[in-house]
Amino acid sequence: MDDNCCSQMSAGSAVCEVPSETAQRKNHPEAICPRCGEKGKAVQGKTIKSLLNDSFNSLPDSDYYFCRTQSCPLVYYSLDGVSTYATWQVREKVFQKEPDADDVYVCYCFKHTAAEIRNAAPEHRAAIVTAINHGIQANQCACDLRNPQGSCCLGNVHKLIKQTQQAAGQP
C-alpha cells in the first residue's frame, strides 16, 4: 500500500484506506475512551496535529484513539487516558459528534456538509458520491489529515444517504 489514503477497489469505485502508519498500529483491546468507556479507533499523530487548536508542544508522543460516541465530548485520547482532547479543542466540527448539525462536514476533503446531502435530490446525492470517488481516484483526498476520524469519509457519506432515504421513505 502506498502512503496515500486512497486506492481503487476492483469494482471500479474508490475507497480511502487507512495509511500504512496506522495500519501497522494495532487497536489495543484496552483502548477504551476514559470518558464514555467505548472502544476507540486508532488514529495517527499527524491527524491530531492537523486538527487540534492546541500547540504541538502540548501533544505528548503516544498512541491516540478517536472516540466515535456521539454523546461523549472527547474526540481523541491517549492509550493511557492521560491526554484527552474534547470537541471544543478541534478545529472542525466532528460528524460523529454532531451528525444532525447542518454545517458539519461529512466529507472533509471535498467539503460536503450534512445539510447538502440531506437536502439534495437523490440524483444529486449520487453525483456527490461519484464526485468524491473521482477525487479519490485522482489522489485529491487527504482524509488522514482533514477527517477527524483519520480515515475515509465515504462510509459516513453512504450512511447519511441511506438514513436520509429511509427517513423520506425512498428505496
C-alpha atoms as a PDB file:
ATOM      1  CA  MET A   1       0.000   0.000   0.000  1.00  0.00           C
ATOM      2  CA  ASP A   2       1.315   3.485  -0.796  1.00  0.00           C
ATOM      3  CA  ASP A   3       1.342   6.494   1.515  1.00  0.00           C
ATOM      4  CA  ASN A   4      -1.837   7.952   0.023  1.00  0.00           C
ATOM      5  CA  CYS A   5      -5.035   7.331   1.900  1.00  0.00           C
ATOM      6  CA  CYS A   6      -6.844   6.324  -1.225  1.00  0.00           C
ATOM      7  CA  SER A   7      -6.789   3.418  -3.627  1.00  0.00           C
ATOM      8  CA  GLN A   8      -9.123   1.914  -6.178  1.00  0.00           C
ATOM      9  CA  MET A   9     -11.262  -1.113  -5.426  1.00  0.00           C
ATOM     10  CA  SER A  10     -11.724  -3.842  -8.007  1.00  0.00           C
ATOM     11  CA  ALA A  11     -15.354  -2.871  -8.635  1.00  0.00           C
ATOM     12  CA  GLY A  12     -14.212   0.476 -10.018  1.00  0.00           C
ATOM     13  CA  SER A  13     -15.234   2.601  -7.063  1.00  0.00           C
ATOM     14  CA  ALA A  14     -12.581   4.210  -4.954  1.00  0.00           C
ATOM     15  CA  VAL A  15     -12.105   3.862  -1.264  1.00  0.00           C
ATOM     16  CA  CYS A  16      -9.782   5.631   1.093  1.00  0.00           C
ATOM     17  CA  GLU A  17      -7.707   3.235   3.078  1.00  0.00           C
ATOM     18  CA  VAL A  18      -6.061   3.883   6.386  1.00  0.00           C
ATOM     19  CA  PRO A  19      -2.458   4.942   5.721  1.00  0.00           C
ATOM     20  CA  SER A  20       0.202   2.322   6.370  1.00  0.00           C
ATOM     21  CA  GLU A  21       1.435   4.023   9.561  1.00  0.00           C
ATOM     22  CA  THR A  22      -1.942   3.469  11.215  1.00  0.00           C
ATOM     23  CA  ALA A  23      -2.395   0.034   9.679  1.00  0.00           C
ATOM     24  CA  GLN A  24       0.732  -1.118  11.487  1.00  0.00           C
ATOM     25  CA  ARG A  25      -0.512   0.267  14.802  1.00  0.00           C
ATOM     26  CA  LYS A  26      -2.956  -2.194  16.275  1.00  0.00           C
ATOM     27  CA  ASN A  27      -6.022  -1.240  18.218  1.00  0.00           C
ATOM     28  CA  HIS A  28      -5.379  -2.335  21.755  1.00  0.00           C
ATOM     29  CA  PRO A  29      -8.292  -4.146  23.385  1.00  0.00           C
ATOM     30  CA  GLU A  30      -7.880  -1.814  26.342  1.00  0.00           C
ATOM     31  CA  ALA A  31      -8.055   1.313  24.127  1.00  0.00           C
ATOM     32  CA  ILE A  32     -11.343   2.434  25.615  1.00  0.00           C
ATOM     33  CA  CYS A  33     -12.342   6.041  25.994  1.00  0.00           C
ATOM     34  CA  PRO A  34     -11.684   7.222  29.555  1.00  0.00           C
ATOM     35  CA  ARG A  35     -14.889   9.294  29.454  1.00  0.00           C
ATOM     36  CA  CYS A  36     -17.568   7.041  27.904  1.00  0.00           C
ATOM     37  CA  GLY A  37     -15.960   3.586  28.170  1.00  0.00           C
ATOM     38  CA  GLU A  38     -16.403   2.717  24.479  1.00  0.00           C
ATOM     39  CA  LYS A  39     -13.560   1.301  22.397  1.00  0.00           C
ATOM     40  CA  GLY A  40     -11.856   3.863  20.165  1.00  0.00           C
ATOM     41  CA  LYS A  41     -10.251   3.684  16.733  1.00  0.00           C
ATOM     42  CA  ALA A  42      -6.505   4.222  16.339  1.00  0.00           C
ATOM     43  CA  VAL A  43      -5.527   7.489  14.647  1.00  0.00           C
ATOM     44  CA  GLN A  44      -2.178   8.837  13.557  1.00  0.00           C
ATOM     45  CA  GLY A  45      -0.466  11.629  15.421  1.00  0.00           C
ATOM     46  CA  LYS A  46      -0.447  13.707  12.241  1.00  0.00           C
ATOM     47  CA  THR A  47      -4.263  13.570  12.164  1.00  0.00           C
ATOM     48  CA  ILE A  48      -4.451  15.029  15.635  1.00  0.00           C
ATOM     49  CA  LYS A  49      -1.741  17.609  14.937  1.00  0.00           C
ATOM     50  CA  SER A  50      -3.587  18.828  11.864  1.00  0.00           C
ATOM     51  CA  LEU A  51      -6.913  19.208  13.658  1.00  0.00           C
ATOM     52  CA  LEU A  52      -6.178  20.409  17.191  1.00  0.00           C
ATOM     53  CA  ASN A  53      -6.333  24.041  18.205  1.00  0.00           C
ATOM     54  CA  ASP A  54      -3.606  23.345  20.781  1.00  0.00           C
ATOM     55  CA  SER A  55       0.111  23.828  20.299  1.00  0.00           C
ATOM     56  CA  PHE A  56       2.060  20.811  19.124  1.00  0.00           C
ATOM     57  CA  ASN A  57       4.198  21.278  22.234  1.00  0.00           C
ATOM     58  CA  SER A  58       1.259  20.105  24.312  1.00  0.00           C
ATOM     59  CA  LEU A  59       0.795  16.873  22.337  1.00  0.00           C
ATOM     60  CA  PRO A  60       2.698  14.119  24.119  1.00  0.00           C
ATOM     61  CA  ASP A  61       4.111  11.314  21.998  1.00  0.00           C
ATOM     62  CA  SER A  62       1.653   8.449  22.432  1.00  0.00           C
ATOM     63  CA  ASP A  63      -0.747   6.159  20.601  1.00  0.00           C
ATOM     64  CA  TYR A  64      -4.001   8.056  20.136  1.00  0.00           C
ATOM     65  CA  TYR A  65      -7.574   6.967  19.576  1.00  0.00           C
ATOM     66  CA  PHE A  66     -10.697   8.531  18.130  1.00  0.00           C
ATOM     67  CA  CYS A  67     -13.914   8.278  20.153  1.00  0.00           C
ATOM     68  CA  ARG A  68     -16.920   7.801  17.858  1.00  0.00           C
ATOM     69  CA  THR A  69     -19.548   8.017  20.608  1.00  0.00           C
ATOM     70  CA  GLN A  70     -21.892  10.893  19.793  1.00  0.00           C
ATOM     71  CA  SER A  71     -22.726  11.746  23.400  1.00  0.00           C
ATOM     72  CA  CYS A  72     -19.085  11.765  24.541  1.00  0.00           C
ATOM     73  CA  PRO A  73     -17.317  15.138  24.464  1.00  0.00           C
ATOM     74  CA  LEU A  74     -13.909  13.539  23.858  1.00  0.00           C
ATOM     75  CA  VAL A  75     -12.664  13.261  20.295  1.00  0.00           C
ATOM     76  CA  TYR A  76      -9.132  11.964  20.933  1.00  0.00           C
ATOM     77  CA  TYR A  77      -7.418  10.276  23.845  1.00  0.00           C
ATOM     78  CA  SER A  78      -4.124   8.569  24.528  1.00  0.00           C
ATOM     79  CA  LEU A  79      -3.880   4.882  25.350  1.00  0.00           C
ATOM     80  CA  ASP A  80      -3.103   5.699  28.976  1.00  0.00           C
ATOM     81  CA  GLY A  81      -6.075   8.113  29.119  1.00  0.00           C
ATOM     82  CA  VAL A  82      -3.887  10.960  30.392  1.00  0.00           C
ATOM     83  CA  SER A  83      -4.044  13.082  27.228  1.00  0.00           C
ATOM     84  CA  THR A  84      -7.578  13.850  26.126  1.00  0.00           C
ATOM     85  CA  TYR A  85      -8.937  16.320  23.584  1.00  0.00           C
ATOM     86  CA  ALA A  86     -12.575  17.388  23.507  1.00  0.00           C
ATOM     87  CA  THR A  87     -14.762  18.708  20.699  1.00  0.00           C
ATOM     88  CA  TRP A  88     -14.020  22.327  21.597  1.00  0.00           C
ATOM     89  CA  GLN A  89     -10.285  21.681  21.056  1.00  0.00           C
ATOM     90  CA  VAL A  90     -10.731  20.505  17.443  1.00  0.00           C
ATOM     91  CA  ARG A  91     -10.740  22.960  14.523  1.00  0.00           C
ATOM     92  CA  GLU A  92     -13.614  21.277  12.707  1.00  0.00           C
ATOM     93  CA  LYS A  93     -16.982  20.062  13.870  1.00  0.00           C
ATOM     94  CA  VAL A  94     -16.832  16.280  14.091  1.00  0.00           C
ATOM     95  CA  PHE A  95     -19.522  14.445  12.112  1.00  0.00           C
ATOM     96  CA  GLN A  96     -19.736  11.554  14.602  1.00  0.00           C
ATOM     97  CA  LYS A  97     -20.298  14.053  17.444  1.00  0.00           C
ATOM     98  CA  GLU A  98     -22.751  16.357  15.639  1.00  0.00           C
ATOM     99  CA  PRO A  99     -24.404  14.331  12.856  1.00  0.00           C
ATOM    100  CA  ASP A 100     -27.562  16.470  12.972  1.00  0.00           C
ATOM    101  CA  ALA A 101     -25.764  19.808  12.521  1.00  0.00           C
ATOM    102  CA  ASP A 102     -26.388  21.233   9.068  1.00  0.00           C
ATOM    103  CA  ASP A 103     -22.915  22.731   8.729  1.00  0.00           C
ATOM    104  CA  VAL A 104     -20.874  19.722   9.836  1.00  0.00           C
ATOM    105  CA  TYR A 105     -18.790  18.220   7.068  1.00  0.00           C
ATOM    106  CA  VAL A 106     -19.471  14.621   6.165  1.00  0.00           C
ATOM    107  CA  CYS A 107     -16.732  14.789   3.530  1.00  0.00           C
ATOM    108  CA  TYR A 108     -13.894  16.956   4.792  1.00  0.00           C
ATOM    109  CA  CYS A 109     -11.694  16.814   1.684  1.00  0.00           C
ATOM    110  CA  PHE A 110     -14.358  17.893  -0.798  1.00  0.00           C
ATOM    111  CA  LYS A 111     -16.407  19.960   1.690  1.00  0.00           C
ATOM    112  CA  HIS A 112     -19.808  18.272   1.523  1.00  0.00           C
ATOM    113  CA  THR A 113     -21.984  19.109   4.521  1.00  0.00           C
ATOM    114  CA  ALA A 114     -24.703  17.062   6.145  1.00  0.00           C
ATOM    115  CA  ALA A 115     -27.335  19.603   5.065  1.00  0.00           C
ATOM    116  CA  GLU A 116     -26.162  19.472   1.443  1.00  0.00           C
ATOM    117  CA  ILE A 117     -26.505  15.691   1.389  1.00  0.00           C
ATOM    118  CA  ARG A 118     -29.798  15.589   3.299  1.00  0.00           C
ATOM    119  CA  ASN A 119     -31.391  18.315   1.150  1.00  0.00           C
ATOM    120  CA  ALA A 120     -30.153  17.048  -2.204  1.00  0.00           C
ATOM    121  CA  ALA A 121     -32.346  15.256  -4.699  1.00  0.00           C
ATOM    122  CA  PRO A 122     -31.486  11.539  -4.974  1.00  0.00           C
ATOM    123  CA  GLU A 123     -29.717  12.035  -8.311  1.00  0.00           C
ATOM    124  CA  HIS A 124     -27.611  14.836  -6.826  1.00  0.00           C
ATOM    125  CA  ARG A 125     -26.642  12.591  -3.895  1.00  0.00           C
ATOM    126  CA  ALA A 126     -25.419  10.027  -6.401  1.00  0.00           C
ATOM    127  CA  ALA A 127     -23.465  12.787  -8.164  1.00  0.00           C
ATOM    128  CA  ILE A 128     -21.829  13.737  -4.852  1.00  0.00           C
ATOM    129  CA  VAL A 129     -20.669  10.149  -4.317  1.00  0.00           C
ATOM    130  CA  THR A 130     -19.412   9.995  -7.906  1.00  0.00           C
ATOM    131  CA  ALA A 131     -17.513  13.261  -7.462  1.00  0.00           C
ATOM    132  CA  ILE A 132     -15.927  12.012  -4.232  1.00  0.00           C
ATOM    133  CA  ASN A 133     -14.925   8.760  -5.952  1.00  0.00           C
ATOM    134  CA  HIS A 134     -13.358  10.710  -8.826  1.00  0.00           C
ATOM    135  CA  GLY A 135     -11.456  12.870  -6.343  1.00  0.00           C
ATOM    136  CA  ILE A 136     -10.215   9.785  -4.542  1.00  0.00           C
ATOM    137  CA  GLN A 137      -9.100   8.179  -7.804  1.00  0.00           C
ATOM    138  CA  ALA A 138      -7.243  11.398  -8.691  1.00  0.00           C
ATOM    139  CA  ASN A 139      -5.408  11.277  -5.327  1.00  0.00           C
ATOM    140  CA  GLN A 140      -7.014  14.553  -4.264  1.00  0.00           C
ATOM    141  CA  CYS A 141      -8.126  13.413  -0.832  1.00  0.00           C
ATOM    142  CA  ALA A 142      -6.280  13.862   2.433  1.00  0.00           C
ATOM    143  CA  CYS A 143      -8.597  12.014   4.798  1.00  0.00           C
ATOM    144  CA  ASP A 144      -5.737  11.197   7.156  1.00  0.00           C
ATOM    145  CA  LEU A 145      -5.261  14.937   7.758  1.00  0.00           C
ATOM    146  CA  ARG A 146      -8.668  16.534   7.213  1.00  0.00           C
ATOM    147  CA  ASN A 147     -11.145  13.997   8.586  1.00  0.00           C
ATOM    148  CA  PRO A 148     -11.159  13.878  12.399  1.00  0.00           C
ATOM    149  CA  GLN A 149     -11.623  10.096  12.311  1.00  0.00           C
ATOM    150  CA  GLY A 150      -8.335   9.888  10.379  1.00  0.00           C
ATOM    151  CA  SER A 151      -9.750   7.728   7.590  1.00  0.00           C
ATOM    152  CA  CYS A 152     -12.043   7.899   4.597  1.00  0.00           C
ATOM    153  CA  CYS A 153     -15.394   9.657   4.857  1.00  0.00           C
ATOM    154  CA  LEU A 154     -17.111   7.642   2.143  1.00  0.00           C
ATOM    155  CA  GLY A 155     -18.692   5.253   4.642  1.00  0.00           C
ATOM    156  CA  ASN A 156     -20.151   8.222   6.532  1.00  0.00           C
ATOM    157  CA  VAL A 157     -21.487   9.713   3.288  1.00  0.00           C
ATOM    158  CA  HIS A 158     -23.172   6.431   2.321  1.00  0.00           C
ATOM    159  CA  LYS A 159     -24.603   6.018   5.828  1.00  0.00           C
ATOM    160  CA  LEU A 160     -26.077   9.531   5.815  1.00  0.00           C
ATOM    161  CA  ILE A 161     -27.560   8.994   2.352  1.00  0.00           C
ATOM    162  CA  LYS A 162     -29.149   5.730   3.490  1.00  0.00           C
ATOM    163  CA  GLN A 163     -30.573   7.377   6.643  1.00  0.00           C
ATOM    164  CA  THR A 164     -31.914  10.281   4.581  1.00  0.00           C
ATOM    165  CA  GLN A 165     -33.558   7.958   2.064  1.00  0.00           C
ATOM    166  CA  GLN A 166     -35.127   5.849   4.809  1.00  0.00           C
ATOM    167  CA  ALA A 167     -36.480   8.950   6.562  1.00  0.00           C
ATOM    168  CA  ALA A 168     -38.034  10.080   3.258  1.00  0.00           C
ATOM    169  CA  GLY A 169     -39.428   6.604   2.500  1.00  0.00           C
ATOM    170  CA  GLN A 170     -37.175   6.245  -0.543  1.00  0.00           C
ATOM    171  CA  PRO A 171     -35.630   2.922  -1.570  1.00  0.00           C
END
